[in-house]
Amino acid sequence: MKQIKKSQNIDWIIIIIALALIIFGNIAIYSASVHTFGAKESVSNYYIKQMIWIAISALIFLTILYLPDIFIEIIAFPGYLISIFLLLLVLFLPSPDGVHRWIRLGGINFQPSELAKIFVILFSAKILAKEKLSDLTKIIISFIIVLIPSLLVLREPDLGGSLIFLVIYLPMLYLANISLFTIFLLVSPLISLVVGFFPVIWIIFDIVLIVILIIKNIDILRAGVVVGINAFVSFVAPYFWNSLRAYQQERILTFLNPAKDMLGSGYQIIQAKIAVGSGGIFGKGFLEGTQKNLEFLPAQHTDFIFSVIGEELGFVGCSILIILFILLFYRIIKILKKTRVISNKVIIVGILTYLVFQVFVNIGMNIGIIPVVGIPLPFISYGGSNLIVNTAALALIVKFEKERSFIYS
């Protein structure tokens, strides 16, 4: 017979894995900060700044861990409003390169889109967990909550950051007991947007969609609305392409054919692939990366830090890093399965989704299987905003595990 007992244990395993990733990351940042050419050596202070952010993140982790549960619930809505205000504010601040992503305070750069991730998850989960609301009401309200920051981030412009909000939304719906068929209908316009560039695939998808609607016995009026929306989205797909910034179009075209502009938009992908590929099994050695030292590798302490790791530590170093991420995700999934409170489950799956998405996209663009979208590698890339938000997210998961009312043993 199963016994019920209180759970007040801190999950040290997830903390140890996170610490290992953070230490691994700062070592990689140090390497990316050192450039050696013959007898000359230059050292940037990125790794020192990152150590400061690590200390701040640790304090935030401990603070969240011991905050009353009611405070987390209360802060969801005002935190979301503050995030939206900051996302609006950043659009009106001057930017020398026309990219409005950071609020600069003295020597500190703060990225509002990072803060928005956590509060979108908290506020959406609060709505999705309300039992008194119908499924349709939950979907409409939560979709608006997600859509607003997604559009604002897209306006910065930051296509990769904008997609994160939409990606985390779908698993959250599923954990909130929204049917897979409903989720499919929500995703179908996005699929139509992609297939709209290929007429034959577009027609096939529309036929499949109609067949699914017939099988589900959807009435003619609602089925017509669904098909009409998808047809419209497919029709305007070329206009969506034209609405993208020139550099965003170039990144996608370059991803499809990096050799198209080897010294321009294709340069990042080519150099990253050269760095990772040249590392071999064991790498060239710590601080010995030639692509890094000669500064052929762009954004090597942020978006392309995985390439530094691949060049200097090789397949073995990359494998260790990926294993650490897999262990972290596995641990989060275990906590997710044991969690009973719906709102907490929805929050955990939202956090897990955006972490997995960022790891997959960042590593993918470093090895050339995904277009360059400027998404950092969690706990590894340099940056205070990303590290603080990721650490705060893990603190919430550890807190939920620590304060579960009852567990079965």
Protein backbone atom coordinates (compact mmCIF):
# COMPACT_ATOMS: atom_id res chain seq x y z
CA MET A 1 0.00 0.00 0.00
CA LYS A 2 1.28 3.47 -0.89
CA GLN A 3 2.08 5.81 1.94
CA ILE A 4 1.64 9.55 1.87
CA LYS A 5 4.33 11.76 3.32
CA LYS A 6 5.28 15.41 3.19
CA SER A 7 8.03 16.53 0.85
CA GLN A 8 10.40 19.22 2.12
CA ASN A 9 13.58 18.11 0.35
CA ILE A 10 15.58 20.34 -1.97
CA ASP A 11 16.43 18.61 -5.24
CA TRP A 12 20.21 18.86 -5.06
CA ILE A 13 20.69 16.87 -8.24
CA ILE A 14 19.14 19.55 -10.44
CA ILE A 15 21.16 22.22 -8.58
CA ILE A 16 24.42 20.32 -9.09
CA ILE A 17 23.70 19.84 -12.81
CA ALA A 18 22.90 23.56 -13.20
CA LEU A 19 26.10 24.51 -11.35
CA ALA A 20 28.11 22.20 -13.61
CA LEU A 21 26.62 23.89 -16.68
CA ILE A 22 27.29 27.37 -15.31
CA ILE A 23 30.91 26.52 -14.46
CA PHE A 24 31.35 24.85 -17.86
CA GLY A 25 29.91 28.00 -19.44
CA ASN A 26 32.18 30.43 -17.63
CA ILE A 27 35.25 28.38 -18.54
CA ALA A 28 34.13 28.54 -22.18
CA ILE A 29 33.51 32.30 -21.85
CA TYR A 30 37.03 32.70 -20.45
CA SER A 31 38.43 30.85 -23.45
CA ALA A 32 36.33 33.00 -25.81
CA SER A 33 37.76 36.07 -24.03
CA VAL A 34 41.38 35.09 -24.68
CA HIS A 35 42.88 35.66 -28.13
CA THR A 36 46.43 34.56 -28.85
CA PHE A 37 48.33 35.40 -32.02
CA GLY A 38 51.99 34.48 -31.89
CA ALA A 39 53.49 36.22 -28.86
CA LYS A 40 50.57 38.61 -28.60
CA GLU A 41 47.68 37.92 -26.27
CA SER A 42 44.55 39.96 -25.57
CA VAL A 43 42.06 39.16 -22.82
CA SER A 44 38.54 40.59 -22.55
CA ASN A 45 36.72 40.77 -19.21
CA TYR A 46 33.57 38.90 -20.23
CA TYR A 47 34.28 36.02 -17.86
CA ILE A 48 34.70 38.43 -14.92
CA LYS A 49 31.38 40.11 -15.70
CA GLN A 50 29.76 36.69 -16.00
CA MET A 51 31.04 35.77 -12.52
CA ILE A 52 29.23 38.83 -11.17
CA TRP A 53 26.02 37.72 -12.92
CA ILE A 54 26.50 34.23 -11.48
CA ALA A 55 26.65 35.67 -7.95
CA ILE A 56 23.52 37.77 -8.56
CA SER A 57 21.75 34.74 -10.03
CA ALA A 58 22.61 32.69 -6.93
CA LEU A 59 21.02 35.32 -4.67
CA ILE A 60 17.91 35.40 -6.85
CA PHE A 61 17.74 31.59 -6.77
CA LEU A 62 17.81 31.52 -2.95
CA THR A 63 15.28 34.35 -2.73
CA ILE A 64 12.76 32.59 -4.98
CA LEU A 65 13.33 29.28 -3.21
CA TYR A 66 12.10 30.68 0.10
CA LEU A 67 9.44 33.10 -1.11
CA PRO A 68 5.87 32.28 0.00
CA ASP A 69 3.85 30.51 -2.71
CA ILE A 70 1.21 33.22 -2.65
CA PHE A 71 3.81 35.82 -3.66
CA ILE A 72 4.60 33.90 -6.88
CA GLU A 73 0.91 33.88 -7.74
CA ILE A 74 0.39 37.55 -6.87
CA ILE A 75 3.38 38.81 -8.87
CA ALA A 76 2.38 37.03 -12.13
CA PHE A 77 0.05 39.75 -13.45
CA PRO A 78 2.01 42.88 -12.40
CA GLY A 79 5.23 41.21 -13.59
CA TYR A 80 3.62 40.59 -16.97
CA LEU A 81 2.50 44.23 -17.23
CA ILE A 82 6.00 45.45 -16.33
CA SER A 83 7.46 43.15 -19.00
CA ILE A 84 5.11 44.54 -21.65
CA PHE A 85 5.94 48.10 -20.61
CA LEU A 86 9.68 47.38 -20.93
CA LEU A 87 9.19 45.72 -24.32
CA LEU A 88 7.36 48.84 -25.49
CA LEU A 89 9.96 51.14 -23.95
CA VAL A 90 12.88 49.44 -25.66
CA LEU A 91 11.32 50.12 -29.08
CA PHE A 92 11.54 53.86 -28.48
CA LEU A 93 15.08 53.95 -27.14
CA PRO A 94 17.86 55.03 -29.52
CA SER A 95 19.86 52.24 -31.13
CA PRO A 96 22.89 52.81 -33.37
CA ASP A 97 22.31 49.65 -35.42
CA GLY A 98 18.50 49.86 -35.63
CA VAL A 99 18.03 46.81 -33.38
CA HIS A 100 16.02 47.60 -30.24
CA ARG A 101 16.65 44.71 -27.84
CA TRP A 102 18.47 46.18 -24.85
CA ILE A 103 17.88 48.80 -22.22
CA ARG A 104 21.26 50.27 -21.35
CA LEU A 105 21.78 51.55 -17.80
CA GLY A 106 25.35 52.74 -17.38
CA GLY A 107 27.53 49.80 -18.32
CA ILE A 108 24.74 47.26 -17.92
CA ASN A 109 22.63 45.99 -20.82
CA PHE A 110 19.26 44.50 -19.88
CA GLN A 111 17.14 42.51 -22.35
CA PRO A 112 13.39 42.83 -21.55
CA SER A 113 12.46 39.86 -23.74
CA GLU A 114 14.27 37.55 -21.31
CA LEU A 115 12.23 38.83 -18.37
CA ALA A 116 9.04 38.54 -20.42
CA LYS A 117 9.56 34.77 -20.89
CA ILE A 118 9.16 33.93 -17.23
CA PHE A 119 6.20 36.24 -16.62
CA VAL A 120 4.37 35.06 -19.75
CA ILE A 121 4.71 31.51 -18.40
CA LEU A 122 3.54 32.48 -14.89
CA PHE A 123 0.56 34.56 -16.04
CA SER A 124 -0.52 32.10 -18.75
CA ALA A 125 -0.36 29.23 -16.27
CA LYS A 126 -2.51 31.19 -13.83
CA ILE A 127 -5.23 31.57 -16.49
CA LEU A 128 -4.97 28.02 -17.84
CA ALA A 129 -5.31 26.56 -14.34
CA LYS A 130 -8.58 28.36 -13.54
CA GLU A 131 -11.29 25.71 -13.27
CA LYS A 132 -14.18 28.16 -13.60
CA LEU A 133 -13.15 29.24 -17.11
CA SER A 134 -14.22 27.31 -20.21
CA ASP A 135 -11.54 25.84 -22.49
CA LEU A 136 -12.34 28.41 -25.18
CA THR A 137 -11.99 31.31 -22.73
CA LYS A 138 -8.69 29.91 -21.44
CA ILE A 139 -7.34 29.57 -24.97
CA ILE A 140 -8.38 33.08 -26.05
CA ILE A 141 -7.03 34.86 -22.94
CA SER A 142 -3.79 32.86 -22.76
CA PHE A 143 -3.20 33.29 -26.51
CA ILE A 144 -3.50 37.07 -26.16
CA ILE A 145 -1.08 36.94 -23.21
CA VAL A 146 1.45 35.12 -25.40
CA LEU A 147 0.80 37.02 -28.63
CA ILE A 148 1.42 40.55 -27.31
CA PRO A 149 5.05 40.04 -26.22
CA SER A 150 5.69 37.84 -29.25
CA LEU A 151 4.70 40.67 -31.62
CA LEU A 152 6.65 43.25 -29.63
CA VAL A 153 9.81 41.14 -29.71
CA LEU A 154 9.32 40.54 -33.43
CA ARG A 155 9.20 44.32 -33.84
CA GLU A 156 12.64 44.76 -32.21
CA PRO A 157 13.35 42.80 -34.54
CA ASP A 158 14.13 39.39 -33.00
CA LEU A 159 12.51 36.53 -34.92
CA GLY A 160 14.06 33.80 -32.76
CA GLY A 161 13.02 35.47 -29.50
CA SER A 162 9.51 35.98 -30.86
CA LEU A 163 9.14 32.30 -31.76
CA ILE A 164 10.04 31.19 -28.22
CA PHE A 165 6.77 32.60 -26.83
CA LEU A 166 4.70 30.66 -29.36
CA VAL A 167 6.70 27.45 -28.88
CA ILE A 168 6.24 27.36 -25.09
CA TYR A 169 2.50 28.01 -25.45
CA LEU A 170 1.52 24.67 -27.03
CA PRO A 171 2.86 22.26 -24.35
CA MET A 172 1.35 24.52 -21.70
CA LEU A 173 -2.06 24.10 -23.36
CA TYR A 174 -1.63 20.33 -23.40
CA LEU A 175 -0.73 20.18 -19.67
CA ALA A 176 -3.81 22.35 -19.02
CA ASN A 177 -5.91 19.49 -20.48
CA ILE A 178 -6.67 21.18 -23.80
CA SER A 179 -7.25 18.47 -26.43
CA LEU A 180 -4.62 17.69 -29.05
CA PHE A 181 -7.19 18.33 -31.79
CA THR A 182 -7.77 21.86 -30.48
CA ILE A 183 -4.03 22.44 -30.29
CA PHE A 184 -3.69 21.19 -33.89
CA LEU A 185 -6.31 23.70 -35.05
CA LEU A 186 -4.35 26.48 -33.31
CA VAL A 187 -1.11 25.39 -34.99
CA SER A 188 -2.62 24.84 -38.44
CA PRO A 189 -2.40 28.51 -39.54
CA LEU A 190 1.33 28.47 -38.78
CA ILE A 191 1.70 25.32 -40.89
CA SER A 192 -0.31 27.01 -43.64
CA LEU A 193 2.05 30.00 -43.48
CA VAL A 194 5.04 27.74 -44.16
CA VAL A 195 3.43 25.59 -46.86
CA GLY A 196 2.00 28.69 -48.53
CA PHE A 197 5.29 29.04 -50.41
CA PHE A 198 4.80 25.62 -52.01
CA PRO A 199 1.45 25.36 -53.88
CA VAL A 200 1.38 21.54 -54.17
CA ILE A 201 2.13 21.01 -50.45
CA TRP A 202 -0.38 23.75 -49.61
CA ILE A 203 -3.17 21.91 -51.50
CA ILE A 204 -2.23 18.57 -49.87
CA PHE A 205 -2.29 20.11 -46.39
CA ASP A 206 -5.69 21.72 -47.01
CA ILE A 207 -7.09 18.36 -48.15
CA VAL A 208 -5.68 16.66 -45.02
CA LEU A 209 -7.16 19.42 -42.86
CA ILE A 210 -10.61 19.01 -44.43
CA VAL A 211 -10.48 15.21 -43.96
CA ILE A 212 -9.58 15.65 -40.26
CA LEU A 213 -12.46 18.10 -39.77
CA ILE A 214 -14.87 15.62 -41.40
CA ILE A 215 -13.62 12.73 -39.22
CA LYS A 216 -14.10 14.89 -36.11
CA ASN A 217 -17.67 15.73 -37.21
CA ILE A 218 -17.10 19.48 -37.06
CA ASP A 219 -20.15 21.38 -38.29
CA ILE A 220 -19.96 23.09 -41.69
CA LEU A 221 -19.83 26.65 -40.30
CA ARG A 222 -16.89 26.07 -37.94
CA ALA A 223 -15.10 23.88 -40.49
CA GLY A 224 -15.52 26.64 -43.07
CA VAL A 225 -14.02 29.20 -40.70
CA VAL A 226 -10.99 26.95 -40.00
CA VAL A 227 -10.37 26.21 -43.69
CA GLY A 228 -10.92 29.87 -44.60
CA ILE A 229 -8.40 31.11 -42.03
CA ASN A 230 -5.80 28.60 -43.21
CA ALA A 231 -6.39 29.45 -46.87
CA PHE A 232 -6.03 33.16 -46.11
CA VAL A 233 -2.79 32.63 -44.19
CA SER A 234 -1.34 30.57 -47.05
CA PHE A 235 -2.35 33.29 -49.50
CA VAL A 236 -0.58 36.04 -47.55
CA ALA A 237 2.59 33.95 -46.95
CA PRO A 238 4.56 35.84 -49.68
CA TYR A 239 3.55 39.15 -48.07
CA PHE A 240 4.83 37.86 -44.71
CA TRP A 241 8.16 37.09 -46.38
CA ASN A 242 8.34 40.63 -47.75
CA SER A 243 7.62 42.00 -44.25
CA LEU A 244 10.80 40.42 -42.88
CA ARG A 245 13.87 42.59 -42.56
CA ALA A 246 16.45 42.14 -45.30
CA TYR A 247 18.96 40.53 -42.92
CA GLN A 248 16.31 38.05 -41.73
CA GLN A 249 15.59 37.02 -45.31
CA GLU A 250 19.33 36.72 -45.93
CA ARG A 251 19.77 34.45 -42.91
CA ILE A 252 17.12 32.05 -44.17
CA LEU A 253 18.46 32.05 -47.74
CA THR A 254 22.00 31.64 -46.43
CA PHE A 255 20.92 28.71 -44.28
CA LEU A 256 19.60 27.00 -47.41
CA ASN A 257 22.81 27.83 -49.31
CA PRO A 258 25.72 29.16 -47.16
CA ALA A 259 27.98 29.39 -50.21
CA LYS A 260 25.64 32.02 -51.67
CA ASP A 261 27.46 34.77 -49.75
CA MET A 262 30.54 33.30 -48.10
CA LEU A 263 31.98 36.63 -46.97
CA GLY A 264 28.65 38.19 -46.00
CA SER A 265 25.56 36.57 -44.54
CA GLY A 266 27.01 33.06 -44.95
CA TYR A 267 30.17 33.89 -43.03
CA GLN A 268 28.81 33.04 -39.55
CA ILE A 269 27.50 29.60 -40.49
CA ILE A 270 30.61 28.67 -42.46
CA GLN A 271 33.05 29.74 -39.74
CA ALA A 272 31.02 28.03 -37.01
CA LYS A 273 30.94 24.76 -38.97
CA ILE A 274 34.68 25.01 -39.64
CA ALA A 275 35.36 25.56 -35.93
CA VAL A 276 33.21 22.62 -34.78
CA GLY A 277 34.44 20.31 -37.53
CA SER A 278 38.13 21.12 -37.01
CA GLY A 279 37.92 20.10 -33.34
CA GLY A 280 37.80 16.42 -34.19
CA ILE A 281 37.39 13.92 -31.36
CA PHE A 282 39.37 15.59 -28.58
CA GLY A 283 39.70 19.17 -29.85
CA LYS A 284 42.70 21.41 -30.39
CA GLY A 285 43.13 22.02 -26.68
CA PHE A 286 41.92 24.65 -24.21
CA LEU A 287 42.69 28.19 -25.46
CA GLU A 288 44.18 26.71 -28.66
CA GLY A 289 41.31 27.25 -31.07
CA THR A 290 42.62 28.92 -34.23
CA GLN A 291 39.22 30.10 -35.50
CA LYS A 292 38.66 31.68 -32.10
CA ASN A 293 42.16 33.14 -31.61
CA LEU A 294 42.22 34.68 -35.08
CA GLU A 295 38.69 35.99 -34.43
CA PHE A 296 37.25 34.37 -37.54
CA LEU A 297 34.44 33.07 -35.36
CA PRO A 298 31.73 35.72 -34.77
CA ALA A 299 29.94 36.34 -31.43
CA GLN A 300 32.12 33.63 -29.91
CA HIS A 301 31.26 34.44 -26.28
CA THR A 302 27.49 34.60 -26.91
CA ASP A 303 25.56 32.92 -29.75
CA PHE A 304 28.50 30.89 -31.10
CA ILE A 305 30.12 29.74 -27.88
CA PHE A 306 29.25 26.12 -28.74
CA SER A 307 31.62 26.44 -31.71
CA VAL A 308 34.43 27.49 -29.35
CA ILE A 309 33.73 24.39 -27.25
CA GLY A 310 33.63 22.19 -30.35
CA GLU A 311 36.93 23.54 -31.67
CA GLU A 312 38.88 23.36 -28.42
CA LEU A 313 37.31 20.36 -26.65
CA GLY A 314 36.13 18.43 -29.69
CA PHE A 315 33.41 15.81 -29.89
CA VAL A 316 34.13 14.69 -26.33
CA GLY A 317 33.65 18.18 -24.86
CA CYS A 318 30.46 18.76 -26.86
CA SER A 319 29.12 15.37 -25.80
CA ILE A 320 29.74 16.12 -22.11
CA LEU A 321 27.88 19.40 -22.48
CA ILE A 322 24.92 17.79 -24.27
CA ILE A 323 24.77 15.01 -21.66
CA LEU A 324 24.57 17.63 -18.91
CA PHE A 325 21.62 19.25 -20.69
CA ILE A 326 19.91 15.87 -21.16
CA LEU A 327 20.34 15.10 -17.45
CA LEU A 328 18.89 18.50 -16.56
CA PHE A 329 15.85 17.99 -18.79
CA TYR A 330 15.38 14.43 -17.53
CA ARG A 331 15.38 15.69 -13.94
CA ILE A 332 12.84 18.41 -14.77
CA ILE A 333 10.59 15.81 -16.44
CA LYS A 334 10.76 13.64 -13.31
CA ILE A 335 9.67 16.59 -11.18
CA LEU A 336 6.93 17.40 -13.70
CA LYS A 337 5.51 13.87 -13.45
CA LYS A 338 5.36 14.06 -9.65
CA THR A 339 3.76 17.50 -9.50
CA ARG A 340 0.04 17.45 -8.70
CA VAL A 341 -0.90 21.15 -8.84
CA ILE A 342 -2.04 22.00 -12.39
CA SER A 343 -0.70 25.56 -12.40
CA ASN A 344 2.73 24.33 -11.27
CA LYS A 345 2.72 21.58 -13.93
CA VAL A 346 1.92 24.16 -16.62
CA ILE A 347 4.72 26.44 -15.39
CA ILE A 348 7.25 23.60 -15.31
CA VAL A 349 6.42 22.43 -18.85
CA GLY A 350 6.66 26.03 -20.10
CA ILE A 351 10.13 26.41 -18.57
CA LEU A 352 11.25 23.00 -19.85
CA THR A 353 10.02 23.79 -23.37
CA TYR A 354 11.82 27.10 -23.70
CA LEU A 355 15.07 25.65 -22.30
CA VAL A 356 14.93 22.69 -24.71
CA PHE A 357 14.04 24.99 -27.61
CA GLN A 358 16.95 27.34 -26.88
CA VAL A 359 19.46 24.49 -26.57
CA PHE A 360 18.24 22.83 -29.78
CA VAL A 361 18.20 26.05 -31.81
CA ASN A 362 21.56 27.35 -30.55
CA ILE A 363 23.43 24.08 -31.15
CA GLY A 364 21.56 23.65 -34.42
CA MET A 365 22.67 27.01 -35.79
CA ASN A 366 26.27 26.32 -34.66
CA ILE A 367 26.40 23.14 -36.73
CA GLY A 368 24.45 24.58 -39.65
CA ILE A 369 21.13 22.72 -39.46
CA ILE A 370 19.10 25.77 -38.35
CA PRO A 371 19.22 29.41 -39.57
CA VAL A 372 21.09 31.89 -37.37
CA VAL A 373 18.45 33.49 -35.14
CA GLY A 374 20.49 34.90 -32.27
CA ILE A 375 19.36 32.63 -29.42
CA PRO A 376 21.92 32.10 -26.59
CA LEU A 377 22.84 28.71 -25.15
CA PRO A 378 21.27 28.54 -21.65
CA PHE A 379 23.75 28.73 -18.73
CA ILE A 380 26.66 28.69 -21.22
CA SER A 381 26.50 31.88 -23.33
CA TYR A 382 27.65 35.17 -21.86
CA GLY A 383 24.84 37.46 -20.71
CA GLY A 384 23.29 38.51 -17.42
CA SER A 385 19.65 38.74 -18.52
CA ASN A 386 19.55 35.20 -19.89
CA LEU A 387 21.44 33.68 -16.96
CA ILE A 388 19.29 35.39 -14.32
CA VAL A 389 16.02 34.37 -15.99
CA ASN A 390 17.15 30.77 -16.53
CA THR A 391 18.32 30.52 -12.93
CA ALA A 392 15.05 32.02 -11.66
CA ALA A 393 13.14 29.50 -13.78
CA LEU A 394 15.07 26.59 -12.25
CA ALA A 395 14.50 28.08 -8.80
CA LEU A 396 10.74 27.88 -9.41
CA ILE A 397 11.02 24.21 -10.39
CA VAL A 398 13.12 23.36 -7.31
CA LYS A 399 10.67 25.35 -5.18
CA PHE A 400 7.67 23.42 -6.52
CA GLU A 401 9.45 20.13 -5.85
CA LYS A 402 10.47 21.22 -2.34
CA GLU A 403 7.01 22.41 -1.35
CA ARG A 404 4.80 19.75 -2.85
CA SER A 405 2.09 19.18 -0.24
CA PHE A 406 2.22 15.41 -0.48
CA ILE A 407 4.09 12.76 -2.39
CA TYR A 408 3.42 9.05 -2.80
CA SER A 409 6.05 6.51 -1.84
